[in-house]
Every structure is written in C-alpha cells, then in structure tokens.
Amino acid sequence: MAEKLEWEPAAKERVDAAPFFVRKLIRHKVEKAARNNGLTKVTVELLDQVKQKQMDSQSK
C-alpha cells in the first residue's frame, strides 16, 4: 500500500466542505497527483492545481 500522505489542515477542511459524494474522488485524485509529483504533503495549492487541471480537461 502507498505511504500515507500528510494533509495541510486548510486543505483537509476544503475537501471536508465538498459534498460527501465527491470527497473520496477528490482525495483520490489529489493524493495521486501528490505522489506523482513526489510530494509528501497535500496543500491548498495542490488542490487548486488539481481542480484547475480537471476544469481545463472538461472544457475541451
């Protein structure tokens, strides 16, 4: 199993504020992005990057 990532409190709060039915998907995508980029901590900045990437891919 992959190593557990640390979550910045503000990033965790932001995900917890999302509708319950998308939280698991958000966590999965953000943690995958963190690991792919060699990060050990999920930050608000990473959440913003993943969100922007997702929005860009949906607008095409």
Protein backbone atom coordinates (compact mmCIF):
# COMPACT_ATOMS: atom_id res chain seq x y z
CA MET A 1 0.00 0.00 0.00
CA ALA A 2 1.12 3.55 -0.70
CA GLU A 3 2.56 5.64 2.06
CA LYS A 4 0.04 7.83 3.88
CA LEU A 5 0.27 11.49 2.94
CA GLU A 6 0.12 14.36 5.39
CA TRP A 7 -2.70 16.84 4.78
CA GLU A 8 -2.42 20.54 5.47
CA PRO A 9 -5.33 21.45 7.81
CA ALA A 10 -6.73 24.04 5.37
CA ALA A 11 -6.65 21.51 2.52
CA LYS A 12 -8.47 18.91 4.63
CA GLU A 13 -11.10 21.49 5.62
CA ARG A 14 -11.68 22.40 1.98
CA VAL A 15 -12.25 18.77 0.98
CA ASP A 16 -14.49 18.20 4.01
CA ALA A 17 -16.62 21.14 2.84
CA ALA A 18 -17.27 19.44 -0.52
CA PRO A 19 -20.43 17.37 -0.99
CA PHE A 20 -19.98 13.97 0.67
CA PHE A 21 -20.42 12.04 -2.56
CA VAL A 22 -17.35 13.61 -4.23
CA ARG A 23 -14.94 13.69 -1.27
CA LYS A 24 -13.49 10.24 -1.92
CA LEU A 25 -12.88 11.08 -5.59
CA ILE A 26 -11.24 14.40 -4.68
CA ARG A 27 -8.97 12.74 -2.12
CA HIS A 28 -8.00 10.04 -4.62
CA LYS A 29 -7.15 12.50 -7.40
CA VAL A 30 -5.25 14.88 -5.13
CA GLU A 31 -3.25 12.14 -3.40
CA LYS A 32 -2.40 10.58 -6.77
CA ALA A 33 -1.18 13.97 -8.03
CA ALA A 34 0.89 14.46 -4.86
CA ARG A 35 2.56 11.07 -5.24
CA ASN A 36 3.16 11.58 -8.97
CA ASN A 37 4.93 14.85 -8.14
CA GLY A 38 6.99 13.36 -5.30
CA LEU A 39 5.17 15.33 -2.61
CA THR A 40 4.60 14.10 0.94
CA LYS A 41 2.00 16.70 1.90
CA VAL A 42 -1.31 17.75 0.36
CA THR A 43 -1.63 21.53 0.32
CA VAL A 44 -4.28 24.03 -0.71
CA GLU A 45 -2.06 24.93 -3.66
CA LEU A 46 -2.09 21.32 -4.84
CA LEU A 47 -5.88 21.20 -4.51
CA ASP A 48 -6.08 24.32 -6.68
CA GLN A 49 -3.76 22.79 -9.30
CA VAL A 50 -5.74 19.56 -9.49
CA LYS A 51 -9.03 21.47 -9.65
CA GLN A 52 -7.73 23.68 -12.47
CA LYS A 53 -6.41 20.71 -14.40
CA GLN A 54 -9.78 18.96 -14.03
CA MET A 55 -11.67 22.07 -15.18
CA ASP A 56 -9.34 22.53 -18.16
CA SER A 57 -9.84 18.92 -19.26
CA GLN A 58 -13.63 19.25 -19.04
CA SER A 59 -13.73 22.42 -21.12
CA LYS A 60 -12.15 20.75 -24.17
